[in-house]
Amino acid sequence: MKLHHSPTSPYVRKVMVILHETGQLDDVALIATSGTPLAPADGFASVNPLAKVPALVREDGGAIYDSRIICRYLDARANAGLYGKGDATWDIQTLEATGEGIIDAALLMAYEWRLRPEELRFEAWSEGQWDKIASALDVIETRWMAHMHAPMNAGQIAVAAALGYLDLRNADRKWRDGRPKLAAWFETFAARPSMIATAP
């Protein structure tokens, strides 16, 4: 298989962590594919018409994209059980969606200050995105910690990738403040070999 990736993408990091954790890393060739909405990677649209990483080209040549779909595919391929069984899968997928939502909002903030000309930047937009992030973090801290301490699953991996991205792009926001349980969980989870190997 071939994985189109960028080492700083938190979406890619989710996939890479699962590759490490499920023993599939050697089954994938990594194809460096970086770009932005203003300057997508040349030719990448033939793999993913949305020109977004990650995109996984399977052995049969077919491509799948969107990190949640790729993670689900790799989980099924390895029979790893990262999405649980029965009703538990809905909680895991909701936690995964919460992590993805944090990433989505943080990426929009990053694009605002990295790509938009300074005179056109919209501070209220960035603050609105941060409000979403803060709300999601608060909900994880108050409602989801039992799930965070369950056997490793795709929801935890998504949240960990999101928190790592906040450390990379939004360290000044100090997401750990007021969230001691989530901060302590992340300190432990971030020490996993798969997380260390995929740190941006």
C-alpha atoms as a PDB file:
ATOM      1  CA  MET A   1       0.000   0.000   0.000  1.00  0.00           C
ATOM      2  CA  LYS A   2       0.993   3.634  -0.380  1.00  0.00           C
ATOM      3  CA  LEU A   3       0.128   6.350   2.126  1.00  0.00           C
ATOM      4  CA  HIS A   4       0.216   9.964   0.992  1.00  0.00           C
ATOM      5  CA  HIS A   5       1.160  11.868   4.099  1.00  0.00           C
ATOM      6  CA  SER A   6       2.611  14.988   5.690  1.00  0.00           C
ATOM      7  CA  PRO A   7       4.508  14.574   8.981  1.00  0.00           C
ATOM      8  CA  THR A   8       2.838  17.592  10.623  1.00  0.00           C
ATOM      9  CA  SER A   9      -0.739  16.611   9.748  1.00  0.00           C
ATOM     10  CA  PRO A  10      -2.696  15.413  12.795  1.00  0.00           C
ATOM     11  CA  TYR A  11      -5.007  13.504  10.461  1.00  0.00           C
ATOM     12  CA  VAL A  12      -2.007  11.624   9.127  1.00  0.00           C
ATOM     13  CA  ARG A  13      -0.726  11.091  12.656  1.00  0.00           C
ATOM     14  CA  LYS A  14      -3.890   9.187  13.553  1.00  0.00           C
ATOM     15  CA  VAL A  15      -3.262   6.804  10.672  1.00  0.00           C
ATOM     16  CA  MET A  16       0.424   6.461  11.494  1.00  0.00           C
ATOM     17  CA  VAL A  17      -0.294   5.641  15.135  1.00  0.00           C
ATOM     18  CA  ILE A  18      -2.690   2.898  14.056  1.00  0.00           C
ATOM     19  CA  LEU A  19      -0.114   1.530  11.615  1.00  0.00           C
ATOM     20  CA  HIS A  20       2.406   1.334  14.458  1.00  0.00           C
ATOM     21  CA  GLU A  21      -0.025  -0.075  17.007  1.00  0.00           C
ATOM     22  CA  THR A  22      -1.404  -2.765  14.680  1.00  0.00           C
ATOM     23  CA  GLY A  23       1.923  -3.869  13.202  1.00  0.00           C
ATOM     24  CA  GLN A  24       1.143  -2.728   9.665  1.00  0.00           C
ATOM     25  CA  LEU A  25       3.824  -0.072   9.207  1.00  0.00           C
ATOM     26  CA  ASP A  26       5.943  -2.309   6.975  1.00  0.00           C
ATOM     27  CA  ASP A  27       2.941  -2.860   4.685  1.00  0.00           C
ATOM     28  CA  VAL A  28       2.881   0.805   3.667  1.00  0.00           C
ATOM     29  CA  ALA A  29       5.200   2.969   1.582  1.00  0.00           C
ATOM     30  CA  LEU A  30       5.080   6.587   2.704  1.00  0.00           C
ATOM     31  CA  ILE A  31       4.692   9.190  -0.044  1.00  0.00           C
ATOM     32  CA  ALA A  32       5.491  12.733   1.090  1.00  0.00           C
ATOM     33  CA  THR A  33       2.565  14.875  -0.043  1.00  0.00           C
ATOM     34  CA  SER A  34       2.332  18.344   1.406  1.00  0.00           C
ATOM     35  CA  GLY A  35       0.287  21.294   0.287  1.00  0.00           C
ATOM     36  CA  THR A  36      -2.336  23.819   1.309  1.00  0.00           C
ATOM     37  CA  PRO A  37      -5.730  24.840  -0.086  1.00  0.00           C
ATOM     38  CA  LEU A  38      -3.889  27.609  -1.921  1.00  0.00           C
ATOM     39  CA  ALA A  39      -1.122  25.372  -3.253  1.00  0.00           C
ATOM     40  CA  PRO A  40      -2.130  21.693  -3.397  1.00  0.00           C
ATOM     41  CA  ALA A  41       0.499  19.085  -4.196  1.00  0.00           C
ATOM     42  CA  ASP A  42       1.026  18.590  -7.915  1.00  0.00           C
ATOM     43  CA  GLY A  43      -0.885  15.618  -9.286  1.00  0.00           C
ATOM     44  CA  PHE A  44      -2.334  14.606  -5.934  1.00  0.00           C
ATOM     45  CA  ALA A  45      -5.910  15.264  -7.057  1.00  0.00           C
ATOM     46  CA  SER A  46      -5.676  12.108  -9.186  1.00  0.00           C
ATOM     47  CA  VAL A  47      -5.452  10.157  -5.889  1.00  0.00           C
ATOM     48  CA  ASN A  48      -7.770  12.303  -3.778  1.00  0.00           C
ATOM     49  CA  PRO A  49      -9.858  14.865  -5.667  1.00  0.00           C
ATOM     50  CA  LEU A  50     -10.080  16.897  -2.442  1.00  0.00           C
ATOM     51  CA  ALA A  51      -6.252  17.105  -2.420  1.00  0.00           C
ATOM     52  CA  LYS A  52      -6.130  16.414   1.324  1.00  0.00           C
ATOM     53  CA  VAL A  53      -3.877  14.027   3.213  1.00  0.00           C
ATOM     54  CA  PRO A  54      -3.982  11.290   4.234  1.00  0.00           C
ATOM     55  CA  ALA A  55      -4.909   9.155   1.269  1.00  0.00           C
ATOM     56  CA  LEU A  56      -4.237   5.425   1.176  1.00  0.00           C
ATOM     57  CA  VAL A  57      -3.736   3.572  -2.094  1.00  0.00           C
ATOM     58  CA  ARG A  58      -4.587  -0.064  -1.462  1.00  0.00           C
ATOM     59  CA  GLU A  59      -2.908  -3.113  -2.989  1.00  0.00           C
ATOM     60  CA  ASP A  60      -5.553  -3.238  -5.720  1.00  0.00           C
ATOM     61  CA  GLY A  61      -4.782   0.365  -6.703  1.00  0.00           C
ATOM     62  CA  GLY A  62      -7.957   1.856  -5.289  1.00  0.00           C
ATOM     63  CA  ALA A  63      -7.602   4.912  -3.069  1.00  0.00           C
ATOM     64  CA  ILE A  64      -9.458   5.697   0.120  1.00  0.00           C
ATOM     65  CA  TYR A  65      -9.255   9.007   1.924  1.00  0.00           C
ATOM     66  CA  ASP A  66     -10.457  10.788   5.063  1.00  0.00           C
ATOM     67  CA  SER A  67      -8.531   9.710   8.140  1.00  0.00           C
ATOM     68  CA  ARG A  68     -11.555   8.140   9.830  1.00  0.00           C
ATOM     69  CA  ILE A  69     -12.196   5.867   6.867  1.00  0.00           C
ATOM     70  CA  ILE A  70      -8.525   4.931   6.560  1.00  0.00           C
ATOM     71  CA  CYS A  71      -8.302   4.195  10.288  1.00  0.00           C
ATOM     72  CA  ARG A  72     -11.417   2.031  10.108  1.00  0.00           C
ATOM     73  CA  TYR A  73      -9.985   0.193   7.103  1.00  0.00           C
ATOM     74  CA  LEU A  74      -6.651  -0.479   8.808  1.00  0.00           C
ATOM     75  CA  ASP A  75      -8.416  -1.594  11.976  1.00  0.00           C
ATOM     76  CA  ALA A  76     -10.500  -4.090   9.997  1.00  0.00           C
ATOM     77  CA  ARG A  77      -7.465  -5.247   8.018  1.00  0.00           C
ATOM     78  CA  ALA A  78      -5.618  -6.087  11.231  1.00  0.00           C
ATOM     79  CA  ASN A  79      -8.724  -7.218  13.147  1.00  0.00           C
ATOM     80  CA  ALA A  80      -7.461  -4.916  15.916  1.00  0.00           C
ATOM     81  CA  GLY A  81     -10.779  -4.080  17.564  1.00  0.00           C
ATOM     82  CA  LEU A  82     -10.028  -0.370  17.911  1.00  0.00           C
ATOM     83  CA  TYR A  83     -13.684   0.496  17.248  1.00  0.00           C
ATOM     84  CA  GLY A  84     -15.135  -1.863  19.818  1.00  0.00           C
ATOM     85  CA  LYS A  85     -18.205  -4.024  19.484  1.00  0.00           C
ATOM     86  CA  GLY A  86     -21.930  -3.527  19.862  1.00  0.00           C
ATOM     87  CA  ASP A  87     -23.088  -0.293  21.438  1.00  0.00           C
ATOM     88  CA  ALA A  88     -19.533   0.577  22.555  1.00  0.00           C
ATOM     89  CA  THR A  89     -18.584   1.396  18.973  1.00  0.00           C
ATOM     90  CA  TRP A  90     -20.885   4.423  18.946  1.00  0.00           C
ATOM     91  CA  ASP A  91     -19.164   5.958  21.962  1.00  0.00           C
ATOM     92  CA  ILE A  92     -15.749   5.283  20.456  1.00  0.00           C
ATOM     93  CA  GLN A  93     -16.757   6.838  17.133  1.00  0.00           C
ATOM     94  CA  THR A  94     -18.273   9.848  18.908  1.00  0.00           C
ATOM     95  CA  LEU A  95     -15.035  10.340  20.830  1.00  0.00           C
ATOM     96  CA  GLU A  96     -13.142  10.006  17.540  1.00  0.00           C
ATOM     97  CA  ALA A  97     -15.408  12.641  15.977  1.00  0.00           C
ATOM     98  CA  THR A  98     -14.741  14.940  18.940  1.00  0.00           C
ATOM     99  CA  GLY A  99     -10.992  14.602  18.395  1.00  0.00           C
ATOM    100  CA  GLU A 100     -11.460  15.234  14.677  1.00  0.00           C
ATOM    101  CA  GLY A 101     -13.548  18.318  15.431  1.00  0.00           C
ATOM    102  CA  ILE A 102     -10.757  19.720  17.588  1.00  0.00           C
ATOM    103  CA  ILE A 103      -8.319  19.111  14.739  1.00  0.00           C
ATOM    104  CA  ASP A 104     -10.673  20.726  12.212  1.00  0.00           C
ATOM    105  CA  ALA A 105     -11.012  23.891  14.288  1.00  0.00           C
ATOM    106  CA  ALA A 106      -7.283  24.081  15.079  1.00  0.00           C
ATOM    107  CA  LEU A 107      -6.411  23.689  11.403  1.00  0.00           C
ATOM    108  CA  LEU A 108      -8.775  26.512  10.458  1.00  0.00           C
ATOM    109  CA  MET A 109      -7.027  28.687  13.027  1.00  0.00           C
ATOM    110  CA  ALA A 110      -3.635  27.759  11.607  1.00  0.00           C
ATOM    111  CA  TYR A 111      -4.752  28.558   8.068  1.00  0.00           C
ATOM    112  CA  GLU A 112      -6.049  31.926   9.248  1.00  0.00           C
ATOM    113  CA  TRP A 113      -2.634  33.075  10.455  1.00  0.00           C
ATOM    114  CA  ARG A 114      -0.453  31.100   8.053  1.00  0.00           C
ATOM    115  CA  LEU A 115      -2.258  31.711   4.761  1.00  0.00           C
ATOM    116  CA  ARG A 116      -4.435  34.786   5.073  1.00  0.00           C
ATOM    117  CA  PRO A 117      -2.728  38.178   4.595  1.00  0.00           C
ATOM    118  CA  GLU A 118      -2.343  39.927   7.933  1.00  0.00           C
ATOM    119  CA  GLU A 119      -4.624  42.818   6.987  1.00  0.00           C
ATOM    120  CA  LEU A 120      -7.423  40.358   6.169  1.00  0.00           C
ATOM    121  CA  ARG A 121      -7.221  38.175   9.260  1.00  0.00           C
ATOM    122  CA  PHE A 122     -10.458  37.799  11.192  1.00  0.00           C
ATOM    123  CA  GLU A 123      -9.697  37.516  14.905  1.00  0.00           C
ATOM    124  CA  ALA A 124     -13.296  36.782  15.868  1.00  0.00           C
ATOM    125  CA  TRP A 125     -13.226  33.791  13.498  1.00  0.00           C
ATOM    126  CA  SER A 126     -10.135  32.389  15.186  1.00  0.00           C
ATOM    127  CA  GLU A 127     -11.623  32.935  18.632  1.00  0.00           C
ATOM    128  CA  GLY A 128     -14.789  31.178  17.519  1.00  0.00           C
ATOM    129  CA  GLN A 129     -12.742  28.177  16.482  1.00  0.00           C
ATOM    130  CA  TRP A 130     -10.921  28.179  19.798  1.00  0.00           C
ATOM    131  CA  ASP A 131     -14.251  28.284  21.629  1.00  0.00           C
ATOM    132  CA  LYS A 132     -15.182  25.031  19.876  1.00  0.00           C
ATOM    133  CA  ILE A 133     -11.881  23.481  20.895  1.00  0.00           C
ATOM    134  CA  ALA A 134     -12.188  24.605  24.504  1.00  0.00           C
ATOM    135  CA  SER A 135     -15.746  23.302  24.716  1.00  0.00           C
ATOM    136  CA  ALA A 136     -14.722  19.913  23.336  1.00  0.00           C
ATOM    137  CA  LEU A 137     -11.771  19.675  25.723  1.00  0.00           C
ATOM    138  CA  ASP A 138     -14.017  20.531  28.665  1.00  0.00           C
ATOM    139  CA  VAL A 139     -16.486  17.814  27.683  1.00  0.00           C
ATOM    140  CA  ILE A 140     -13.697  15.238  27.430  1.00  0.00           C
ATOM    141  CA  GLU A 141     -12.426  16.327  30.872  1.00  0.00           C
ATOM    142  CA  THR A 142     -15.849  16.101  32.522  1.00  0.00           C
ATOM    143  CA  ARG A 143     -17.648  13.315  30.641  1.00  0.00           C
ATOM    144  CA  TRP A 144     -15.264  11.131  28.696  1.00  0.00           C
ATOM    145  CA  MET A 145     -12.375  10.251  30.993  1.00  0.00           C
ATOM    146  CA  ALA A 146     -13.672   6.750  31.690  1.00  0.00           C
ATOM    147  CA  HIS A 147     -13.501   6.130  27.930  1.00  0.00           C
ATOM    148  CA  MET A 148     -10.040   7.672  27.803  1.00  0.00           C
ATOM    149  CA  HIS A 149      -8.859   5.095  30.349  1.00  0.00           C
ATOM    150  CA  ALA A 150     -10.511   2.149  28.586  1.00  0.00           C
ATOM    151  CA  PRO A 151      -8.427  -0.241  26.456  1.00  0.00           C
ATOM    152  CA  MET A 152      -6.825   1.648  23.602  1.00  0.00           C
ATOM    153  CA  ASN A 153      -9.269   2.599  20.875  1.00  0.00           C
ATOM    154  CA  ALA A 154      -9.657   4.856  17.842  1.00  0.00           C
ATOM    155  CA  GLY A 155     -11.297   7.612  19.879  1.00  0.00           C
ATOM    156  CA  GLN A 156      -8.302   7.926  22.164  1.00  0.00           C
ATOM    157  CA  ILE A 157      -5.953   8.008  19.185  1.00  0.00           C
ATOM    158  CA  ALA A 158      -7.940  10.848  17.591  1.00  0.00           C
ATOM    159  CA  VAL A 159      -7.928  12.883  20.803  1.00  0.00           C
ATOM    160  CA  ALA A 160      -4.200  12.281  21.279  1.00  0.00           C
ATOM    161  CA  ALA A 161      -3.468  13.461  17.725  1.00  0.00           C
ATOM    162  CA  ALA A 162      -5.596  16.553  18.370  1.00  0.00           C
ATOM    163  CA  LEU A 163      -3.801  17.385  21.621  1.00  0.00           C
ATOM    164  CA  GLY A 164      -0.418  16.918  19.974  1.00  0.00           C
ATOM    165  CA  TYR A 165      -1.472  19.322  17.242  1.00  0.00           C
ATOM    166  CA  LEU A 166      -2.577  21.896  19.824  1.00  0.00           C
ATOM    167  CA  ASP A 167       0.886  21.645  21.368  1.00  0.00           C
ATOM    168  CA  LEU A 168       2.413  22.208  17.934  1.00  0.00           C
ATOM    169  CA  ARG A 169       0.257  25.100  16.706  1.00  0.00           C
ATOM    170  CA  ASN A 170      -1.513  26.548  19.749  1.00  0.00           C
ATOM    171  CA  ALA A 171       0.863  26.069  22.683  1.00  0.00           C
ATOM    172  CA  ASP A 172       0.207  29.658  23.791  1.00  0.00           C
ATOM    173  CA  ARG A 173      -3.418  28.725  24.499  1.00  0.00           C
ATOM    174  CA  LYS A 174      -2.313  26.358  27.318  1.00  0.00           C
ATOM    175  CA  TRP A 175      -5.041  23.788  26.775  1.00  0.00           C
ATOM    176  CA  ARG A 176      -3.948  21.876  29.907  1.00  0.00           C
ATOM    177  CA  ASP A 177      -5.032  24.683  32.244  1.00  0.00           C
ATOM    178  CA  GLY A 178      -8.149  23.631  34.129  1.00  0.00           C
ATOM    179  CA  ARG A 179      -8.075  20.120  32.631  1.00  0.00           C
ATOM    180  CA  PRO A 180      -5.785  18.122  34.930  1.00  0.00           C
ATOM    181  CA  LYS A 181      -7.299  14.717  34.171  1.00  0.00           C
ATOM    182  CA  LEU A 182      -6.951  15.102  30.413  1.00  0.00           C
ATOM    183  CA  ALA A 183      -3.450  16.540  30.793  1.00  0.00           C
ATOM    184  CA  ALA A 184      -2.358  13.589  32.939  1.00  0.00           C
ATOM    185  CA  TRP A 185      -3.887  11.116  30.499  1.00  0.00           C
ATOM    186  CA  PHE A 186      -2.090  12.711  27.562  1.00  0.00           C
ATOM    187  CA  GLU A 187       1.255  12.669  29.351  1.00  0.00           C
ATOM    188  CA  THR A 188       0.949   8.899  29.681  1.00  0.00           C
ATOM    189  CA  PHE A 189      -0.476   8.269  26.209  1.00  0.00           C
ATOM    190  CA  ALA A 190       2.109  10.511  24.524  1.00  0.00           C
ATOM    191  CA  ALA A 191       4.865   8.276  25.943  1.00  0.00           C
ATOM    192  CA  ARG A 192       3.711   5.317  23.838  1.00  0.00           C
ATOM    193  CA  PRO A 193       6.313   4.342  21.212  1.00  0.00           C
ATOM    194  CA  SER A 194       3.749   4.939  18.463  1.00  0.00           C
ATOM    195  CA  MET A 195       3.225   8.512  19.626  1.00  0.00           C
ATOM    196  CA  ILE A 196       6.925   9.226  20.033  1.00  0.00           C
ATOM    197  CA  ALA A 197       7.640   7.847  16.545  1.00  0.00           C
ATOM    198  CA  THR A 198       4.944  10.023  14.959  1.00  0.00           C
ATOM    199  CA  ALA A 199       5.554  13.294  16.815  1.00  0.00           C
ATOM    200  CA  PRO A 200       5.631  16.215  14.345  1.00  0.00           C
END
